[in-house]
Amino acid sequence: MRQMAASCMIVGLLLLAGGCGAPGDRAMQAAMQGYGVRMSPDLAAAPMTAAEGQLTRTDAANDPVNWLAWANPEAAKPETEQGEGASTQPAAALKAASWRERRGPAYPGDFWRSFGRYWVDLPATLWDDTVATATNPWSLAGIGAAGAAGIAVAGSDADRCVGDHYTKRGPQLSHFGDMVGDIGGNPGTHFAIAGAMLLTSMAANDAENYEKSRSLINALAINGVVTLGLKGLARTRAPNRDPFGWPSGHTSSAFCFATVMHEHYGPLAGIPLFALATFVAYERVDARNHDLSDVVSGALLGMAIGHAVASNHKTKFLGMDVVPYVDPRGGIGVGLAKRW
């Protein structure tokens, strides 16, 4: 129990230290980082009057929302207007913005360049989500609750009572039930699904699902690192004699996955996935891979991290997106946008 408490304190200090490196005005920074930049073929047909490297407001065809695009007007000009010796680029070419200034794949219509750019941007986006987790009061409260709940459950003798129950009656689930819990809660399964979502959205130039899958991958990665770190620090023995019992990795990953999907896709996706995550937690105890305290802490940990990362990817105010606004007549500001 003392090891679990010490582990929570160390991780909490590390998260707070990471958060101290963030700029002071977090609300404005989150608002500016959370806006969407639509990179689509429709933008090629829109007039580009800004100088190269400037953000310009454009109304894409058949799109009720005004988006910002990072425009390269030279690439959009016909070859004859670019002058002698100019490189020939397709009219739809757009200079890719950084990950902070766009929404969707970096190079629409070019899967492999977008795929390569994703890996280049990954360390920076992971760090940004880590800082967001370290500075989100709800995530910090959830991580603290995970440690406190684990200590409380273990200290209340509940783990021993549950263990005695299974010693007398044995496992309640069939081999198939164990397989469902093991595969459904395996972090590798969650990463595979998130990766398939990312690749599919990248190939289809689906900006919305690209961002959602990107946040899902980052949440699973951060959750995995924190879970493994706590296991290494606490080193509590599981019922199956595993020396790294607390917290349950299957449970934390399953609840992290369910939380992010619920945040992005609503209860139609969230409720079944939370039900599956709950089954995973039960299966971990039933198969005697974990104690009750392991799965309780894992569930709280996964939900806390999943909520923080998902929230960092969808800055909202009264149900509307917070976006920077660039007036073609001059001046910049922050606006609210909603698709009807």
Protein backbone atom coordinates (compact mmCIF):
# COMPACT_ATOMS: atom_id res chain seq x y z
CA MET A 1 0.00 0.00 0.00
CA ARG A 2 2.86 2.38 0.80
CA GLN A 3 4.34 1.64 -2.63
CA MET A 4 1.06 2.53 -4.33
CA ALA A 5 0.84 5.83 -2.43
CA ALA A 6 4.44 6.71 -3.25
CA SER A 7 3.86 5.89 -6.94
CA CYS A 8 0.85 8.21 -7.12
CA MET A 9 2.78 11.03 -5.45
CA ILE A 10 5.73 10.68 -7.85
CA VAL A 11 3.54 10.59 -10.96
CA GLY A 12 1.54 13.55 -9.69
CA LEU A 13 4.70 15.60 -9.18
CA LEU A 14 5.95 14.68 -12.67
CA LEU A 15 2.65 15.69 -14.26
CA LEU A 16 2.61 18.99 -12.39
CA ALA A 17 6.22 19.65 -13.40
CA GLY A 18 5.31 19.03 -17.03
CA GLY A 19 2.38 21.39 -16.74
CA CYS A 20 4.54 24.17 -15.32
CA GLY A 21 6.27 24.45 -18.67
CA ALA A 22 3.06 25.50 -20.40
CA PRO A 23 2.39 29.17 -21.22
CA GLY A 24 0.40 31.19 -18.74
CA ASP A 25 -2.78 31.92 -20.64
CA ARG A 26 -3.89 28.33 -21.16
CA ALA A 27 -7.46 29.20 -22.09
CA MET A 28 -6.46 31.45 -24.99
CA GLN A 29 -3.76 29.03 -26.10
CA ALA A 30 -6.22 26.14 -26.17
CA ALA A 31 -8.70 28.23 -28.11
CA MET A 32 -6.10 29.17 -30.71
CA GLN A 33 -4.76 25.62 -31.01
CA GLY A 34 -8.17 23.98 -31.22
CA TYR A 35 -9.42 25.70 -34.35
CA GLY A 36 -9.88 23.83 -37.61
CA VAL A 37 -8.08 24.41 -40.86
CA ARG A 38 -9.85 22.75 -43.73
CA MET A 39 -7.46 21.44 -46.37
CA SER A 40 -9.60 20.16 -49.21
CA PRO A 41 -9.72 20.33 -53.00
CA ASP A 42 -12.57 22.85 -52.67
CA LEU A 43 -10.06 25.43 -51.49
CA ALA A 44 -8.25 25.35 -54.83
CA ALA A 45 -11.27 26.94 -56.49
CA ALA A 46 -11.50 29.68 -53.84
CA PRO A 47 -9.74 33.01 -54.48
CA MET A 48 -6.36 33.26 -52.79
CA THR A 49 -5.40 36.88 -52.36
CA ALA A 50 -3.12 36.69 -49.33
CA ALA A 51 0.63 36.68 -49.56
CA GLU A 52 2.44 33.38 -49.26
CA GLY A 53 2.54 32.05 -45.72
CA GLN A 54 -0.45 34.08 -44.52
CA LEU A 55 -3.69 32.67 -43.17
CA THR A 56 -6.62 33.65 -45.31
CA ARG A 57 -10.37 33.27 -44.85
CA THR A 58 -12.14 31.43 -47.64
CA ASP A 59 -15.64 30.11 -48.22
CA ALA A 60 -15.29 26.64 -49.68
CA ALA A 61 -18.00 25.48 -52.03
CA ASN A 62 -20.88 23.58 -50.44
CA ASP A 63 -19.44 24.18 -46.96
CA PRO A 64 -21.59 26.19 -44.53
CA VAL A 65 -18.61 26.84 -42.25
CA ASN A 66 -15.87 29.38 -42.93
CA TRP A 67 -12.42 27.84 -42.58
CA LEU A 68 -8.86 29.12 -42.53
CA ALA A 69 -6.36 27.86 -45.13
CA TRP A 70 -2.61 28.23 -45.31
CA ALA A 71 -2.34 29.39 -48.89
CA ASN A 72 0.50 29.30 -51.36
CA PRO A 73 -0.76 31.52 -54.17
CA GLU A 74 2.20 30.77 -56.44
CA ALA A 75 1.23 27.10 -56.50
CA ALA A 76 -2.32 27.98 -57.47
CA LYS A 77 -1.33 30.14 -60.45
CA PRO A 78 -1.30 28.65 -63.92
CA GLU A 79 2.14 27.82 -65.24
CA THR A 80 2.09 30.74 -67.68
CA GLU A 81 1.57 33.24 -64.84
CA GLN A 82 4.45 31.87 -62.77
CA GLY A 83 7.01 32.98 -65.26
CA GLU A 84 9.81 31.31 -67.13
CA GLY A 85 11.68 28.64 -65.23
CA ALA A 86 9.01 28.33 -62.58
CA SER A 87 8.31 24.86 -61.26
CA THR A 88 5.14 23.23 -62.53
CA GLN A 89 2.84 22.40 -59.61
CA PRO A 90 -0.79 21.29 -59.75
CA ALA A 91 -3.31 24.07 -59.34
CA ALA A 92 -4.76 22.41 -56.23
CA ALA A 93 -1.41 22.35 -54.42
CA LEU A 94 -1.39 24.03 -51.04
CA LYS A 95 1.49 24.55 -48.69
CA ALA A 96 0.96 22.26 -45.70
CA ALA A 97 0.46 24.07 -42.42
CA SER A 98 1.92 22.83 -39.17
CA TRP A 99 -0.19 20.48 -37.06
CA ARG A 100 -1.26 23.41 -34.86
CA GLU A 101 -2.64 25.35 -37.81
CA ARG A 102 -4.60 22.75 -39.72
CA ARG A 103 -7.29 20.15 -39.30
CA GLY A 104 -6.97 16.94 -41.23
CA PRO A 105 -4.16 15.29 -43.24
CA ALA A 106 -1.20 17.51 -44.12
CA TYR A 107 -1.41 16.82 -47.86
CA PRO A 108 -4.99 16.13 -49.00
CA GLY A 109 -5.07 13.62 -51.79
CA ASP A 110 -1.48 12.50 -51.17
CA PHE A 111 -1.71 9.59 -48.74
CA TRP A 112 1.99 8.77 -48.42
CA ARG A 113 3.14 12.35 -47.87
CA SER A 114 0.41 12.79 -45.26
CA PHE A 115 1.43 9.51 -43.64
CA GLY A 116 5.05 10.62 -43.44
CA ARG A 117 4.10 14.01 -42.06
CA TYR A 118 1.98 12.35 -39.36
CA TRP A 119 5.05 10.58 -37.97
CA VAL A 120 7.09 13.77 -38.11
CA ASP A 121 4.41 15.60 -36.11
CA LEU A 122 3.74 12.76 -33.66
CA PRO A 123 6.31 13.66 -30.95
CA ALA A 124 5.07 17.26 -30.80
CA THR A 125 1.40 16.29 -30.68
CA LEU A 126 2.06 13.69 -28.00
CA TRP A 127 3.86 16.25 -25.87
CA ASP A 128 1.05 18.75 -26.35
CA ASP A 129 -1.51 16.17 -25.16
CA THR A 130 0.74 15.21 -22.25
CA VAL A 131 0.89 18.84 -21.13
CA ALA A 132 -2.88 19.09 -21.54
CA THR A 133 -3.31 16.01 -19.33
CA ALA A 134 -0.92 17.45 -16.74
CA THR A 135 -2.82 20.75 -16.58
CA ASN A 136 -6.39 19.47 -16.80
CA PRO A 137 -7.88 19.59 -13.28
CA TRP A 138 -10.31 16.76 -14.05
CA SER A 139 -7.57 14.46 -15.26
CA LEU A 140 -5.40 15.23 -12.23
CA ALA A 141 -8.39 14.56 -9.97
CA GLY A 142 -9.05 11.29 -11.80
CA ILE A 143 -5.44 10.15 -11.53
CA GLY A 144 -5.45 11.03 -7.83
CA ALA A 145 -8.74 9.17 -7.41
CA ALA A 146 -7.22 6.12 -9.12
CA GLY A 147 -4.46 5.99 -6.52
CA ALA A 148 -6.78 6.73 -3.61
CA ALA A 149 -9.33 4.12 -4.74
CA GLY A 150 -6.64 1.48 -5.13
CA ILE A 151 -5.32 2.16 -1.64
CA ALA A 152 -8.83 2.23 -0.16
CA VAL A 153 -9.93 -1.02 -1.79
CA ALA A 154 -6.71 -2.82 -0.89
CA GLY A 155 -6.80 -1.44 2.66
CA SER A 156 -10.42 -2.46 3.20
CA ASP A 157 -9.56 -6.15 2.76
CA ALA A 158 -11.79 -6.28 -0.33
CA ASP A 159 -9.04 -7.86 -2.41
CA ARG A 160 -8.72 -10.73 0.05
CA CYS A 161 -12.51 -11.25 0.19
CA VAL A 162 -12.75 -11.39 -3.60
CA GLY A 163 -9.80 -13.78 -3.71
CA ASP A 164 -11.44 -16.08 -1.12
CA HIS A 165 -14.65 -16.08 -3.20
CA TYR A 166 -12.81 -17.33 -6.28
CA THR A 167 -10.78 -19.81 -4.25
CA LYS A 168 -14.03 -21.46 -3.13
CA ARG A 169 -16.09 -21.18 -6.34
CA GLY A 170 -13.53 -20.85 -9.09
CA PRO A 171 -13.84 -18.71 -12.27
CA GLN A 172 -17.36 -17.93 -13.43
CA LEU A 173 -16.61 -17.15 -17.08
CA SER A 174 -16.09 -19.69 -19.85
CA HIS A 175 -12.97 -19.91 -21.95
CA PHE A 176 -14.75 -17.84 -24.62
CA GLY A 177 -15.57 -15.12 -22.05
CA ASP A 178 -11.94 -14.99 -20.99
CA MET A 179 -10.89 -14.68 -24.63
CA VAL A 180 -13.32 -11.80 -25.21
CA GLY A 181 -12.03 -9.96 -22.15
CA ASP A 182 -8.39 -10.60 -22.99
CA ILE A 183 -8.66 -9.49 -26.62
CA GLY A 184 -11.19 -6.72 -26.02
CA GLY A 185 -9.03 -5.18 -23.31
CA ASN A 186 -5.66 -5.70 -24.94
CA PRO A 187 -3.95 -2.35 -25.70
CA GLY A 188 -2.71 -3.84 -28.97
CA THR A 189 -6.33 -4.27 -30.09
CA HIS A 190 -7.10 -0.66 -29.27
CA PHE A 191 -4.04 0.65 -31.11
CA ALA A 192 -4.91 -1.50 -34.13
CA ILE A 193 -8.45 -0.07 -34.30
CA ALA A 194 -7.20 3.50 -33.82
CA GLY A 195 -4.52 2.98 -36.49
CA ALA A 196 -7.08 1.61 -38.96
CA MET A 197 -9.30 4.64 -38.29
CA LEU A 198 -6.36 6.99 -38.90
CA LEU A 199 -5.30 5.35 -42.16
CA THR A 200 -8.87 5.16 -43.46
CA SER A 201 -9.56 8.83 -42.70
CA MET A 202 -6.22 9.81 -44.22
CA ALA A 203 -6.98 7.94 -47.43
CA ALA A 204 -10.48 9.45 -47.62
CA ASN A 205 -9.24 12.95 -46.70
CA ASP A 206 -11.72 12.92 -43.79
CA ALA A 207 -10.48 15.76 -41.59
CA GLU A 208 -12.95 15.18 -38.76
CA ASN A 209 -12.23 11.48 -38.25
CA TYR A 210 -8.52 12.06 -38.83
CA GLU A 211 -8.40 14.37 -35.81
CA LYS A 212 -10.51 12.01 -33.69
CA SER A 213 -8.34 9.01 -34.48
CA ARG A 214 -5.19 11.04 -33.85
CA SER A 215 -6.44 11.99 -30.40
CA LEU A 216 -7.36 8.34 -29.74
CA ILE A 217 -3.84 7.15 -30.57
CA ASN A 218 -2.27 9.83 -28.38
CA ALA A 219 -4.59 9.06 -25.47
CA LEU A 220 -3.79 5.34 -25.66
CA ALA A 221 -0.07 6.06 -25.82
CA ILE A 222 -0.09 8.41 -22.82
CA ASN A 223 -2.29 6.01 -20.87
CA GLY A 224 0.06 3.14 -21.66
CA VAL A 225 3.15 5.04 -20.51
CA VAL A 226 1.50 6.19 -17.27
CA THR A 227 0.13 2.71 -16.55
CA LEU A 228 3.51 1.03 -17.13
CA GLY A 229 5.21 3.70 -15.03
CA LEU A 230 2.85 3.09 -12.12
CA LYS A 231 3.32 -0.66 -12.43
CA GLY A 232 7.09 -0.24 -12.24
CA LEU A 233 6.88 2.06 -9.25
CA ALA A 234 4.27 0.16 -7.24
CA ARG A 235 5.39 -3.42 -8.04
CA THR A 236 2.38 -5.07 -6.37
CA ARG A 237 1.95 -8.80 -6.94
CA ALA A 238 -1.16 -9.89 -8.85
CA PRO A 239 -3.07 -13.10 -8.04
CA ASN A 240 -1.35 -14.81 -11.01
CA ARG A 241 2.03 -13.95 -9.42
CA ASP A 242 2.78 -11.18 -11.91
CA PRO A 243 5.04 -8.73 -10.02
CA PHE A 244 3.48 -5.75 -11.85
CA GLY A 245 -0.16 -6.02 -10.85
CA TRP A 246 -1.35 -2.50 -10.08
CA PRO A 247 -2.98 -0.89 -12.04
CA SER A 248 -4.57 -3.18 -14.63
CA GLY A 249 -3.29 -2.31 -18.10
CA HIS A 250 -6.15 -4.03 -19.93
CA THR A 251 -8.70 -2.15 -17.84
CA SER A 252 -7.06 1.27 -18.13
CA SER A 253 -6.67 0.92 -21.91
CA ALA A 254 -10.27 -0.28 -22.36
CA PHE A 255 -11.69 2.63 -20.35
CA CYS A 256 -9.39 5.13 -22.07
CA PHE A 257 -10.57 3.87 -25.47
CA ALA A 258 -14.24 4.03 -24.42
CA THR A 259 -13.87 7.54 -22.98
CA VAL A 260 -12.28 9.04 -26.10
CA MET A 261 -14.84 7.38 -28.37
CA HIS A 262 -17.68 8.61 -26.16
CA GLU A 263 -16.29 12.17 -26.19
CA HIS A 264 -15.99 12.21 -29.98
CA TYR A 265 -18.89 10.06 -31.17
CA GLY A 266 -21.40 10.30 -28.34
CA PRO A 267 -23.29 7.68 -26.32
CA LEU A 268 -24.12 5.45 -29.30
CA ALA A 269 -20.43 4.54 -29.41
CA GLY A 270 -19.60 5.25 -25.78
CA ILE A 271 -22.21 3.14 -23.98
CA PRO A 272 -21.39 -0.19 -25.70
CA LEU A 273 -17.66 0.45 -25.29
CA PHE A 274 -18.05 1.31 -21.60
CA ALA A 275 -20.03 -1.92 -21.21
CA LEU A 276 -17.20 -3.82 -22.89
CA ALA A 277 -14.63 -2.07 -20.67
CA THR A 278 -16.61 -3.05 -17.58
CA PHE A 279 -16.69 -6.65 -18.79
CA VAL A 280 -12.92 -6.51 -19.33
CA ALA A 281 -12.45 -5.37 -15.72
CA TYR A 282 -14.67 -8.21 -14.49
CA GLU A 283 -12.84 -10.76 -16.64
CA ARG A 284 -9.46 -9.62 -15.30
CA VAL A 285 -10.63 -10.36 -11.75
CA ASP A 286 -12.52 -13.52 -12.68
CA ALA A 287 -9.48 -14.98 -14.44
CA ARG A 288 -7.41 -14.02 -11.38
CA ASN A 289 -5.08 -11.89 -13.45
CA HIS A 290 -5.77 -8.91 -11.19
CA ASP A 291 -7.17 -7.94 -7.82
CA LEU A 292 -10.23 -5.72 -7.47
CA SER A 293 -8.06 -2.73 -6.53
CA ASP A 294 -6.06 -3.14 -9.76
CA VAL A 295 -9.10 -2.85 -12.04
CA VAL A 296 -10.77 -0.04 -10.06
CA SER A 297 -7.64 2.09 -10.33
CA GLY A 298 -7.17 1.15 -13.99
CA ALA A 299 -10.70 2.25 -14.88
CA LEU A 300 -10.34 5.65 -13.20
CA LEU A 301 -6.90 6.19 -14.71
CA GLY A 302 -8.06 5.40 -18.25
CA MET A 303 -11.11 7.66 -18.03
CA ALA A 304 -9.06 10.56 -16.65
CA ILE A 305 -6.44 10.45 -19.39
CA GLY A 306 -8.95 9.76 -22.17
CA HIS A 307 -11.10 12.73 -21.14
CA ALA A 308 -8.12 15.11 -20.96
CA VAL A 309 -6.74 14.21 -24.38
CA ALA A 310 -10.13 14.18 -26.11
CA SER A 311 -10.96 17.58 -24.60
CA ASN A 312 -7.65 18.97 -25.85
CA HIS A 313 -8.69 18.12 -29.41
CA LYS A 314 -12.09 19.78 -29.33
CA THR A 315 -12.09 23.24 -27.82
CA LYS A 316 -15.73 24.20 -27.30
CA PHE A 317 -17.73 27.07 -25.84
CA LEU A 318 -21.49 26.61 -25.39
CA GLY A 319 -21.33 23.76 -27.89
CA MET A 320 -19.48 25.79 -30.54
CA ASP A 321 -15.91 25.60 -31.84
CA VAL A 322 -13.58 28.38 -30.75
CA VAL A 323 -11.77 29.56 -33.88
CA PRO A 324 -9.49 32.46 -34.87
CA TYR A 325 -11.19 34.88 -37.26
CA VAL A 326 -9.39 36.75 -40.03
CA ASP A 327 -11.36 39.60 -41.58
CA PRO A 328 -10.52 40.09 -45.29
CA ARG A 329 -10.75 43.85 -44.70
CA GLY A 330 -8.14 43.69 -41.96
CA GLY A 331 -7.99 42.63 -38.33
CA ILE A 332 -7.96 39.33 -36.52
CA GLY A 333 -9.87 37.94 -33.55
CA VAL A 334 -11.51 34.88 -32.06
CA GLY A 335 -14.92 33.65 -33.18
CA LEU A 336 -17.40 30.85 -32.56
CA ALA A 337 -18.38 28.44 -35.33
CA LYS A 338 -20.98 25.69 -35.56
CA ARG A 339 -22.06 23.48 -38.46
CA TRP A 340 -25.85 23.42 -38.98
